[in-house]
Amino acid sequence: MKRIITICALISAFACSKDHSRTFKGIITESDNCCSSMEGGRIYKVNIVGSDSTVTTVLPADYKLGDAIAFNMHINDTPPAILCLAICTMPGLVKLSDVTRVE
């Protein structure tokens, strides 16, 4: 339930903003070894700095846990396609763009 409220809050923040391309900072906290991206890369959870929000996304495989990144979230982007093992639940993905490592 908390995850749904967080996602709704993020969506409403984007919908009410005139600038739909805000830059955020986050820390990579988890990787998902149960699912894989059809476009390449791995599935990671990213904690958004300054909030309690976490997003699940696909990033290149050379990112590591603990990396700090800057990124944009676009409300109209389609998340990448993924495949999960039968025993795993499919995560809800958010597409990030302009991802860079930061100090």
PDB file of N, CA and C in Angstrom:
ATOM      1  N   MET A   1       0.814  -1.186   0.000  1.00  0.00           N
ATOM      2  CA  MET A   1       0.000   0.000   0.000  1.00  0.00           C
ATOM      3  C   MET A   1       0.865   1.260   0.000  1.00  0.00           C
ATOM      4  N   LYS A   2       1.948   1.225   0.791  1.00  0.00           N
ATOM      5  CA  LYS A   2       2.859   2.378   0.850  1.00  0.00           C
ATOM      6  C   LYS A   2       3.490   2.645  -0.511  1.00  0.00           C
ATOM      7  N   ARG A   3       3.817   1.569  -1.229  1.00  0.00           N
ATOM      8  CA  ARG A   3       4.419   1.709  -2.560  1.00  0.00           C
ATOM      9  C   ARG A   3       3.444   2.380  -3.531  1.00  0.00           C
ATOM     10  N   ILE A   4       2.173   1.997  -3.472  1.00  0.00           N
ATOM     11  CA  ILE A   4       1.158   2.583  -4.357  1.00  0.00           C
ATOM     12  C   ILE A   4       1.007   4.073  -4.068  1.00  0.00           C
ATOM     13  N   ILE A   5       0.972   4.434  -2.796  1.00  0.00           N
ATOM     14  CA  ILE A   5       0.841   5.847  -2.419  1.00  0.00           C
ATOM     15  C   ILE A   5       2.049   6.637  -2.902  1.00  0.00           C
ATOM     16  N   THR A   6       3.244   6.065  -2.748  1.00  0.00           N
ATOM     17  CA  THR A   6       4.464   6.736  -3.195  1.00  0.00           C
ATOM     18  C   THR A   6       4.450   6.958  -4.699  1.00  0.00           C
ATOM     19  N   ILE A   7       4.072   5.933  -5.459  1.00  0.00           N
ATOM     20  CA  ILE A   7       4.017   6.055  -6.916  1.00  0.00           C
ATOM     21  C   ILE A   7       2.992   7.095  -7.328  1.00  0.00           C
ATOM     22  N   CYS A   8       1.821   7.089  -6.679  1.00  0.00           N
ATOM     23  CA  CYS A   8       0.789   8.084  -6.992  1.00  0.00           C
ATOM     24  C   CYS A   8       1.280   9.495  -6.690  1.00  0.00           C
ATOM     25  N   ALA A   9       2.015   9.649  -5.591  1.00  0.00           N
ATOM     26  CA  ALA A   9       2.552  10.967  -5.234  1.00  0.00           C
ATOM     27  C   ALA A   9       3.559  11.448  -6.270  1.00  0.00           C
ATOM     28  N   LEU A  10       4.418  10.543  -6.745  1.00  0.00           N
ATOM     29  CA  LEU A  10       5.380  10.916  -7.784  1.00  0.00           C
ATOM     30  C   LEU A  10       4.683  11.307  -9.080  1.00  0.00           C
ATOM     31  N   ILE A  11       3.675  10.532  -9.469  1.00  0.00           N
ATOM     32  CA  ILE A  11       2.944  10.830 -10.700  1.00  0.00           C
ATOM     33  C   ILE A  11       2.230  12.169 -10.590  1.00  0.00           C
ATOM     34  N   SER A  12       1.591  12.420  -9.450  1.00  0.00           N
ATOM     35  CA  SER A  12       0.883  13.692  -9.304  1.00  0.00           C
ATOM     36  C   SER A  12       1.852  14.861  -9.285  1.00  0.00           C
ATOM     37  N   ALA A  13       3.044  14.669  -8.726  1.00  0.00           N
ATOM     38  CA  ALA A  13       4.049  15.736  -8.730  1.00  0.00           C
ATOM     39  C   ALA A  13       4.462  16.068 -10.154  1.00  0.00           C
ATOM     40  N   PHE A  14       4.612  15.037 -10.996  1.00  0.00           N
ATOM     41  CA  PHE A  14       4.961  15.283 -12.388  1.00  0.00           C
ATOM     42  C   PHE A  14       3.805  15.933 -13.144  1.00  0.00           C
ATOM     43  N   ALA A  15       2.589  15.477 -12.890  1.00  0.00           N
ATOM     44  CA  ALA A  15       1.429  15.982 -13.610  1.00  0.00           C
ATOM     45  C   ALA A  15       1.189  17.454 -13.303  1.00  0.00           C
ATOM     46  N   CYS A  16       1.496  17.893 -12.091  1.00  0.00           N
ATOM     47  CA  CYS A  16       1.249  19.270 -11.693  1.00  0.00           C
ATOM     48  C   CYS A  16       2.423  20.185 -12.033  1.00  0.00           C
ATOM     49  N   SER A  17       3.501  19.636 -12.456  1.00  0.00           N
ATOM     50  CA  SER A  17       4.686  20.431 -12.753  1.00  0.00           C
ATOM     51  C   SER A  17       4.679  20.860 -14.211  1.00  0.00           C
ATOM     52  N   LYS A  18       5.102  22.095 -14.465  1.00  0.00           N
ATOM     53  CA  LYS A  18       5.231  22.551 -15.840  1.00  0.00           C
ATOM     54  C   LYS A  18       6.448  21.919 -16.497  1.00  0.00           C
ATOM     55  N   ASP A  19       7.440  21.605 -15.707  1.00  0.00           N
ATOM     56  CA  ASP A  19       8.662  20.988 -16.209  1.00  0.00           C
ATOM     57  C   ASP A  19       8.571  19.486 -15.988  1.00  0.00           C
ATOM     58  N   HIS A  20       8.330  18.729 -17.066  1.00  0.00           N
ATOM     59  CA  HIS A  20       8.151  17.280 -16.949  1.00  0.00           C
ATOM     60  C   HIS A  20       9.473  16.528 -17.059  1.00  0.00           C
ATOM     61  N   SER A  21      10.579  17.224 -16.979  1.00  0.00           N
ATOM     62  CA  SER A  21      11.875  16.587 -17.126  1.00  0.00           C
ATOM     63  C   SER A  21      12.799  17.024 -15.988  1.00  0.00           C
ATOM     64  N   ARG A  22      12.393  16.760 -14.766  1.00  0.00           N
ATOM     65  CA  ARG A  22      13.188  17.157 -13.599  1.00  0.00           C
ATOM     66  C   ARG A  22      14.312  16.155 -13.373  1.00  0.00           C
ATOM     67  N   THR A  23      15.437  16.666 -12.869  1.00  0.00           N
ATOM     68  CA  THR A  23      16.576  15.809 -12.569  1.00  0.00           C
ATOM     69  C   THR A  23      16.551  15.429 -11.097  1.00  0.00           C
ATOM     70  N   PHE A  24      16.786  14.157 -10.832  1.00  0.00           N
ATOM     71  CA  PHE A  24      16.806  13.620  -9.481  1.00  0.00           C
ATOM     72  C   PHE A  24      18.154  12.978  -9.220  1.00  0.00           C
ATOM     73  N   LYS A  25      18.462  12.761  -7.957  1.00  0.00           N
ATOM     74  CA  LYS A  25      19.647  12.001  -7.569  1.00  0.00           C
ATOM     75  C   LYS A  25      19.184  10.789  -6.778  1.00  0.00           C
ATOM     76  N   GLY A  26      19.908   9.692  -6.919  1.00  0.00           N
ATOM     77  CA  GLY A  26      19.536   8.476  -6.216  1.00  0.00           C
ATOM     78  C   GLY A  26      20.746   7.615  -5.910  1.00  0.00           C
ATOM     79  N   ILE A  27      20.523   6.632  -5.032  1.00  0.00           N
ATOM     80  CA  ILE A  27      21.548   5.655  -4.651  1.00  0.00           C
ATOM     81  C   ILE A  27      21.030   4.271  -5.038  1.00  0.00           C
ATOM     82  N   ILE A  28      21.845   3.502  -5.750  1.00  0.00           N
ATOM     83  CA  ILE A  28      21.461   2.141  -6.123  1.00  0.00           C
ATOM     84  C   ILE A  28      21.579   1.259  -4.894  1.00  0.00           C
ATOM     85  N   THR A  29      20.465   0.650  -4.484  1.00  0.00           N
ATOM     86  CA  THR A  29      20.444  -0.095  -3.229  1.00  0.00           C
ATOM     87  C   THR A  29      20.282  -1.603  -3.393  1.00  0.00           C
ATOM     88  N   GLU A  30      19.693  -2.055  -4.489  1.00  0.00           N
ATOM     89  CA  GLU A  30      19.470  -3.493  -4.676  1.00  0.00           C
ATOM     90  C   GLU A  30      19.553  -3.830  -6.148  1.00  0.00           C
ATOM     91  N   SER A  31      19.903  -5.078  -6.446  1.00  0.00           N
ATOM     92  CA  SER A  31      19.807  -5.570  -7.817  1.00  0.00           C
ATOM     93  C   SER A  31      18.904  -6.793  -7.815  1.00  0.00           C
ATOM     94  N   ASP A  32      18.214  -7.008  -8.930  1.00  0.00           N
ATOM     95  CA  ASP A  32      17.258  -8.103  -9.055  1.00  0.00           C
ATOM     96  C   ASP A  32      17.863  -9.157  -9.974  1.00  0.00           C
ATOM     97  N   ASN A  33      18.183 -10.324  -9.407  1.00  0.00           N
ATOM     98  CA  ASN A  33      18.758 -11.401 -10.207  1.00  0.00           C
ATOM     99  C   ASN A  33      17.708 -12.365 -10.734  1.00  0.00           C
ATOM    100  N   CYS A  34      16.441 -12.060 -10.476  1.00  0.00           N
ATOM    101  CA  CYS A  34      15.351 -12.949 -10.864  1.00  0.00           C
ATOM    102  C   CYS A  34      14.783 -12.570 -12.232  1.00  0.00           C
ATOM    103  N   CYS A  35      15.010 -11.337 -12.661  1.00  0.00           N
ATOM    104  CA  CYS A  35      14.483 -10.840 -13.931  1.00  0.00           C
ATOM    105  C   CYS A  35      15.624 -10.299 -14.776  1.00  0.00           C
ATOM    106  N   SER A  36      15.421 -10.266 -16.077  1.00  0.00           N
ATOM    107  CA  SER A  36      16.425  -9.698 -16.962  1.00  0.00           C
ATOM    108  C   SER A  36      15.757  -8.800 -17.987  1.00  0.00           C
ATOM    109  N   SER A  37      16.508  -7.824 -18.452  1.00  0.00           N
ATOM    110  CA  SER A  37      16.008  -6.890 -19.446  1.00  0.00           C
ATOM    111  C   SER A  37      16.249  -7.443 -20.838  1.00  0.00           C
ATOM    112  N   MET A  38      15.247  -7.327 -21.693  1.00  0.00           N
ATOM    113  CA  MET A  38      15.398  -7.793 -23.066  1.00  0.00           C
ATOM    114  C   MET A  38      16.313  -6.862 -23.856  1.00  0.00           C
ATOM    115  N   GLU A  39      16.471  -5.623 -23.390  1.00  0.00           N
ATOM    116  CA  GLU A  39      17.343  -4.656 -24.058  1.00  0.00           C
ATOM    117  C   GLU A  39      18.764  -4.705 -23.523  1.00  0.00           C
ATOM    118  N   GLY A  40      19.021  -5.510 -22.536  1.00  0.00           N
ATOM    119  CA  GLY A  40      20.334  -5.565 -21.898  1.00  0.00           C
ATOM    120  C   GLY A  40      20.299  -4.796 -20.592  1.00  0.00           C
ATOM    121  N   GLY A  41      21.293  -4.986 -19.788  1.00  0.00           N
ATOM    122  CA  GLY A  41      21.331  -4.326 -18.495  1.00  0.00           C
ATOM    123  C   GLY A  41      20.698  -5.177 -17.407  1.00  0.00           C
ATOM    124  N   ARG A  42      20.657  -4.600 -16.191  1.00  0.00           N
ATOM    125  CA  ARG A  42      20.106  -5.304 -15.037  1.00  0.00           C
ATOM    126  C   ARG A  42      19.011  -4.463 -14.411  1.00  0.00           C
ATOM    127  N   ILE A  43      18.226  -5.108 -13.587  1.00  0.00           N
ATOM    128  CA  ILE A  43      17.165  -4.404 -12.878  1.00  0.00           C
ATOM    129  C   ILE A  43      17.679  -4.018 -11.499  1.00  0.00           C
ATOM    130  N   TYR A  44      17.552  -2.743 -11.162  1.00  0.00           N
ATOM    131  CA  TYR A  44      18.029  -2.201  -9.896  1.00  0.00           C
ATOM    132  C   TYR A  44      16.920  -1.434  -9.190  1.00  0.00           C
ATOM    133  N   LYS A  45      17.037  -1.350  -7.872  1.00  0.00           N
ATOM    134  CA  LYS A  45      16.205  -0.433  -7.090  1.00  0.00           C
ATOM    135  C   LYS A  45      17.050   0.779  -6.760  1.00  0.00           C
ATOM    136  N   VAL A  46      16.460   1.957  -6.907  1.00  0.00           N
ATOM    137  CA  VAL A  46      17.159   3.210  -6.669  1.00  0.00           C
ATOM    138  C   VAL A  46      16.371   4.019  -5.650  1.00  0.00           C
ATOM    139  N   ASN A  47      17.019   4.374  -4.536  1.00  0.00           N
ATOM    140  CA  ASN A  47      16.402   5.271  -3.551  1.00  0.00           C
ATOM    141  C   ASN A  47      16.626   6.704  -3.995  1.00  0.00           C
ATOM    142  N   ILE A  48      15.553   7.472  -4.077  1.00  0.00           N
ATOM    143  CA  ILE A  48      15.662   8.874  -4.474  1.00  0.00           C
ATOM    144  C   ILE A  48      16.127   9.674  -3.263  1.00  0.00           C
ATOM    145  N   VAL A  49      17.240  10.391  -3.430  1.00  0.00           N
ATOM    146  CA  VAL A  49      17.833  11.160  -2.341  1.00  0.00           C
ATOM    147  C   VAL A  49      16.865  12.250  -1.896  1.00  0.00           C
ATOM    148  N   GLY A  50      16.702  12.377  -0.580  1.00  0.00           N
ATOM    149  CA  GLY A  50      15.834  13.405  -0.022  1.00  0.00           C
ATOM    150  C   GLY A  50      14.382  12.991   0.089  1.00  0.00           C
ATOM    151  N   SER A  51      14.093  11.722  -0.165  1.00  0.00           N
ATOM    152  CA  SER A  51      12.711  11.240  -0.048  1.00  0.00           C
ATOM    153  C   SER A  51      12.733   9.792   0.436  1.00  0.00           C
ATOM    154  N   ASP A  52      11.546   9.265   0.712  1.00  0.00           N
ATOM    155  CA  ASP A  52      11.415   7.851   1.073  1.00  0.00           C
ATOM    156  C   ASP A  52      11.090   7.003  -0.145  1.00  0.00           C
ATOM    157  N   SER A  53      11.126   7.591  -1.330  1.00  0.00           N
ATOM    158  CA  SER A  53      10.706   6.904  -2.548  1.00  0.00           C
ATOM    159  C   SER A  53      11.804   6.023  -3.118  1.00  0.00           C
ATOM    160  N   THR A  54      11.396   4.880  -3.644  1.00  0.00           N
ATOM    161  CA  THR A  54      12.277   3.948  -4.332  1.00  0.00           C
ATOM    162  C   THR A  54      11.666   3.630  -5.683  1.00  0.00           C
ATOM    163  N   VAL A  55      12.485   3.602  -6.722  1.00  0.00           N
ATOM    164  CA  VAL A  55      12.001   3.198  -8.041  1.00  0.00           C
ATOM    165  C   VAL A  55      12.785   1.983  -8.492  1.00  0.00           C
ATOM    166  N   THR A  56      12.147   1.143  -9.274  1.00  0.00           N
ATOM    167  CA  THR A  56      12.778  -0.029  -9.862  1.00  0.00           C
ATOM    168  C   THR A  56      12.972   0.267 -11.335  1.00  0.00           C
ATOM    169  N   THR A  57      14.189   0.063 -11.823  1.00  0.00           N
ATOM    170  CA  THR A  57      14.506   0.464 -13.191  1.00  0.00           C
ATOM    171  C   THR A  57      15.551  -0.454 -13.792  1.00  0.00           C
ATOM    172  N   VAL A  58      15.762  -0.329 -15.090  1.00  0.00           N
ATOM    173  CA  VAL A  58      16.827  -1.058 -15.788  1.00  0.00           C
ATOM    174  C   VAL A  58      17.970  -0.097 -16.048  1.00  0.00           C
ATOM    175  N   LEU A  59      19.179  -0.510 -15.647  1.00  0.00           N
ATOM    176  CA  LEU A  59      20.391   0.270 -15.872  1.00  0.00           C
ATOM    177  C   LEU A  59      21.449  -0.640 -16.478  1.00  0.00           C
ATOM    178  N   PRO A  60      22.457  -0.060 -17.123  1.00  0.00           N
ATOM    179  CA  PRO A  60      23.545  -0.900 -17.644  1.00  0.00           C
ATOM    180  C   PRO A  60      24.178  -1.743 -16.535  1.00  0.00           C
ATOM    181  N   ALA A  61      24.679  -2.906 -16.898  1.00  0.00           N
ATOM    182  CA  ALA A  61      25.204  -3.859 -15.918  1.00  0.00           C
ATOM    183  C   ALA A  61      26.463  -3.375 -15.217  1.00  0.00           C
ATOM    184  N   ASP A  62      27.108  -2.313 -15.720  1.00  0.00           N
ATOM    185  CA  ASP A  62      28.339  -1.865 -15.066  1.00  0.00           C
ATOM    186  C   ASP A  62      28.090  -0.984 -13.846  1.00  0.00           C
ATOM    187  N   TYR A  63      26.830  -0.692 -13.532  1.00  0.00           N
ATOM    188  CA  TYR A  63      26.525   0.018 -12.287  1.00  0.00           C
ATOM    189  C   TYR A  63      26.608  -0.961 -11.124  1.00  0.00           C
ATOM    190  N   LYS A  64      26.995  -0.445  -9.943  1.00  0.00           N
ATOM    191  CA  LYS A  64      27.153  -1.307  -8.765  1.00  0.00           C
ATOM    192  C   LYS A  64      26.293  -0.784  -7.625  1.00  0.00           C
ATOM    193  N   LEU A  65      26.027  -1.656  -6.658  1.00  0.00           N
ATOM    194  CA  LEU A  65      25.299  -1.240  -5.461  1.00  0.00           C
ATOM    195  C   LEU A  65      26.085  -0.135  -4.766  1.00  0.00           C
ATOM    196  N   GLY A  66      25.392   0.885  -4.311  1.00  0.00           N
ATOM    197  CA  GLY A  66      26.027   2.006  -3.640  1.00  0.00           C
ATOM    198  C   GLY A  66      26.397   3.152  -4.561  1.00  0.00           C
ATOM    199  N   ASP A  67      26.330   2.944  -5.883  1.00  0.00           N
ATOM    200  CA  ASP A  67      26.622   4.039  -6.812  1.00  0.00           C
ATOM    201  C   ASP A  67      25.583   5.149  -6.660  1.00  0.00           C
ATOM    202  N   ALA A  68      26.060   6.393  -6.672  1.00  0.00           N
ATOM    203  CA  ALA A  68      25.167   7.546  -6.680  1.00  0.00           C
ATOM    204  C   ALA A  68      24.979   7.964  -8.134  1.00  0.00           C
ATOM    205  N   ILE A  69      23.719   8.192  -8.532  1.00  0.00           N
ATOM    206  CA  ILE A  69      23.436   8.551  -9.918  1.00  0.00           C
ATOM    207  C   ILE A  69      22.515   9.769  -9.972  1.00  0.00           C
ATOM    208  N   ALA A  70      22.605  10.492 -11.072  1.00  0.00           N
ATOM    209  CA  ALA A  70      21.665  11.561 -11.392  1.00  0.00           C
ATOM    210  C   ALA A  70      20.878  11.088 -12.608  1.00  0.00           C
ATOM    211  N   PHE A  71      19.584  11.427 -12.670  1.00  0.00           N
ATOM    212  CA  PHE A  71      18.746  10.910 -13.756  1.00  0.00           C
ATOM    213  C   PHE A  71      17.505  11.775 -13.920  1.00  0.00           C
ATOM    214  N   ASN A  72      16.858  11.588 -15.045  1.00  0.00           N
ATOM    215  CA  ASN A  72      15.554  12.198 -15.309  1.00  0.00           C
ATOM    216  C   ASN A  72      14.512  11.098 -15.349  1.00  0.00           C
ATOM    217  N   MET A  73      13.309  11.409 -14.898  1.00  0.00           N
ATOM    218  CA  MET A  73      12.161  10.517 -15.052  1.00  0.00           C
ATOM    219  C   MET A  73      11.155  11.246 -15.919  1.00  0.00           C
ATOM    220  N   HIS A  74      10.728  10.616 -16.990  1.00  0.00           N
ATOM    221  CA  HIS A  74       9.758  11.220 -17.896  1.00  0.00           C
ATOM    222  C   HIS A  74       8.446  10.471 -17.773  1.00  0.00           C
ATOM    223  N   ILE A  75       7.372  11.201 -17.586  1.00  0.00           N
ATOM    224  CA  ILE A  75       6.078  10.577 -17.297  1.00  0.00           C
ATOM    225  C   ILE A  75       5.546   9.749 -18.461  1.00  0.00           C
ATOM    226  N   ASN A  76       5.895  10.091 -19.699  1.00  0.00           N
ATOM    227  CA  ASN A  76       5.312   9.408 -20.856  1.00  0.00           C
ATOM    228  C   ASN A  76       6.195   8.308 -21.422  1.00  0.00           C
ATOM    229  N   ASP A  77       7.357   8.070 -20.832  1.00  0.00           N
ATOM    230  CA  ASP A  77       8.251   7.018 -21.339  1.00  0.00           C
ATOM    231  C   ASP A  77       7.690   5.636 -21.053  1.00  0.00           C
ATOM    232  N   THR A  78       7.926   4.723 -21.983  1.00  0.00           N
ATOM    233  CA  THR A  78       7.524   3.330 -21.798  1.00  0.00           C
ATOM    234  C   THR A  78       8.667   2.567 -21.144  1.00  0.00           C
ATOM    235  N   PRO A  79       8.392   1.877 -20.032  1.00  0.00           N
ATOM    236  CA  PRO A  79       9.469   1.107 -19.383  1.00  0.00           C
ATOM    237  C   PRO A  79       9.998   0.018 -20.298  1.00  0.00           C
ATOM    238  N   PRO A  80      11.254  -0.388 -20.121  1.00  0.00           N
ATOM    239  CA  PRO A  80      11.810  -1.459 -20.951  1.00  0.00           C
ATOM    240  C   PRO A  80      11.133  -2.799 -20.684  1.00  0.00           C
ATOM    241  N   ALA A  81      11.190  -3.671 -21.668  1.00  0.00           N
ATOM    242  CA  ALA A  81      10.594  -5.001 -21.528  1.00  0.00           C
ATOM    243  C   ALA A  81      11.519  -5.890 -20.710  1.00  0.00           C
ATOM    244  N   ILE A  82      10.927  -6.716 -19.854  1.00  0.00           N
ATOM    245  CA  ILE A  82      11.721  -7.626 -19.032  1.00  0.00           C
ATOM    246  C   ILE A  82      11.128  -9.026 -19.061  1.00  0.00           C
ATOM    247  N   LEU A  83      11.963 -10.002 -18.723  1.00  0.00           N
ATOM    248  CA  LEU A  83      11.546 -11.395 -18.569  1.00  0.00           C
ATOM    249  C   LEU A  83      11.885 -11.829 -17.160  1.00  0.00           C
ATOM    250  N   CYS A  84      10.938 -12.488 -16.487  1.00  0.00           N
ATOM    251  CA  CYS A  84      11.176 -12.965 -15.127  1.00  0.00           C
ATOM    252  C   CYS A  84      10.967 -14.471 -15.071  1.00  0.00           C
ATOM    253  N   LEU A  85      11.701 -15.114 -14.172  1.00  0.00           N
ATOM    254  CA  LEU A  85      11.488 -16.540 -13.937  1.00  0.00           C
ATOM    255  C   LEU A  85      10.084 -16.764 -13.402  1.00  0.00           C
ATOM    256  N   ALA A  86       9.561 -17.951 -13.585  1.00  0.00           N
ATOM    257  CA  ALA A  86       8.190 -18.254 -13.178  1.00  0.00           C
ATOM    258  C   ALA A  86       7.962 -18.066 -11.685  1.00  0.00           C
ATOM    259  N   ILE A  87       8.995 -18.211 -10.872  1.00  0.00           N
ATOM    260  CA  ILE A  87       8.836 -18.095  -9.428  1.00  0.00           C
ATOM    261  C   ILE A  87       8.903 -16.645  -8.948  1.00  0.00           C
ATOM    262  N   CYS A  88       9.159 -15.692  -9.854  1.00  0.00           N
ATOM    263  CA  CYS A  88       9.364 -14.301  -9.463  1.00  0.00           C
ATOM    264  C   CYS A  88       8.172 -13.434  -9.847  1.00  0.00           C
ATOM    265  N   THR A  89       7.962 -12.406  -9.073  1.00  0.00           N
ATOM    266  CA  THR A  89       6.937 -11.433  -9.442  1.00  0.00           C
ATOM    267  C   THR A  89       7.564 -10.388 -10.346  1.00  0.00           C
ATOM    268  N   MET A  90       6.790  -9.909 -11.302  1.00  0.00           N
ATOM    269  CA  MET A  90       7.300  -8.920 -12.247  1.00  0.00           C
ATOM    270  C   MET A  90       7.266  -7.541 -11.593  1.00  0.00           C
ATOM    271  N   PRO A  91       8.404  -6.875 -11.498  1.00  0.00           N
ATOM    272  CA  PRO A  91       8.416  -5.553 -10.858  1.00  0.00           C
ATOM    273  C   PRO A  91       7.809  -4.486 -11.762  1.00  0.00           C
ATOM    274  N   GLY A  92       7.252  -3.448 -11.146  1.00  0.00           N
ATOM    275  CA  GLY A  92       6.791  -2.300 -11.907  1.00  0.00           C
ATOM    276  C   GLY A  92       7.980  -1.400 -12.172  1.00  0.00           C
ATOM    277  N   LEU A  93       8.324  -1.213 -13.433  1.00  0.00           N
ATOM    278  CA  LEU A  93       9.533  -0.482 -13.780  1.00  0.00           C
ATOM    279  C   LEU A  93       9.247   0.969 -14.123  1.00  0.00           C
ATOM    280  N   VAL A  94      10.196   1.821 -13.771  1.00  0.00           N
ATOM    281  CA  VAL A  94      10.163   3.224 -14.162  1.00  0.00           C
ATOM    282  C   VAL A  94      11.340   3.444 -15.095  1.00  0.00           C
ATOM    283  N   LYS A  95      11.105   4.116 -16.214  1.00  0.00           N
ATOM    284  CA  LYS A  95      12.193   4.362 -17.153  1.00  0.00           C
ATOM    285  C   LYS A  95      12.918   5.642 -16.775  1.00  0.00           C
ATOM    286  N   LEU A  96      14.228   5.518 -16.601  1.00  0.00           N
ATOM    287  CA  LEU A  96      15.080   6.663 -16.309  1.00  0.00           C
ATOM    288  C   LEU A  96      15.882   6.999 -17.565  1.00  0.00           C
ATOM    289  N   SER A  97      16.192   8.280 -17.734  1.00  0.00           N
ATOM    290  CA  SER A  97      17.025   8.670 -18.877  1.00  0.00           C
ATOM    291  C   SER A  97      18.102   9.638 -18.394  1.00  0.00           C
ATOM    292  N   ASP A  98      19.078   9.868 -19.254  1.00  0.00           N
ATOM    293  CA  ASP A  98      20.193  10.761 -18.939  1.00  0.00           C
ATOM    294  C   ASP A  98      20.859  10.373 -17.625  1.00  0.00           C
ATOM    295  N   VAL A  99      21.080   9.078 -17.438  1.00  0.00           N
ATOM    296  CA  VAL A  99      21.663   8.583 -16.178  1.00  0.00           C
ATOM    297  C   VAL A  99      23.174   8.783 -16.186  1.00  0.00           C
ATOM    298  N   THR A 100      23.685   9.404 -15.127  1.00  0.00           N
ATOM    299  CA  THR A 100      25.132   9.583 -14.980  1.00  0.00           C
ATOM    300  C   THR A 100      25.529   9.302 -13.542  1.00  0.00           C
ATOM    301  N   ARG A 101      26.749   8.841 -13.344  1.00  0.00           N
ATOM    302  CA  ARG A 101      27.274   8.672 -11.986  1.00  0.00           C
ATOM    303  C   ARG A 101      27.635  10.043 -11.424  1.00  0.00           C
ATOM    304  N   VAL A 102      27.430  10.195 -10.123  1.00  0.00           N
ATOM    305  CA  VAL A 102      27.818  11.443  -9.455  1.00  0.00           C
ATOM    306  C   VAL A 102      28.650  11.102  -8.221  1.00  0.00           C
ATOM    307  N   GLU A 103      29.385  12.061  -7.745  1.00  0.00           N
ATOM    308  CA  GLU A 103      30.225  11.866  -6.558  1.00  0.00           C
ATOM    309  C   GLU A 103      29.375  11.971  -5.304  1.00  0.00           C
TER     310      GLU A 103
END
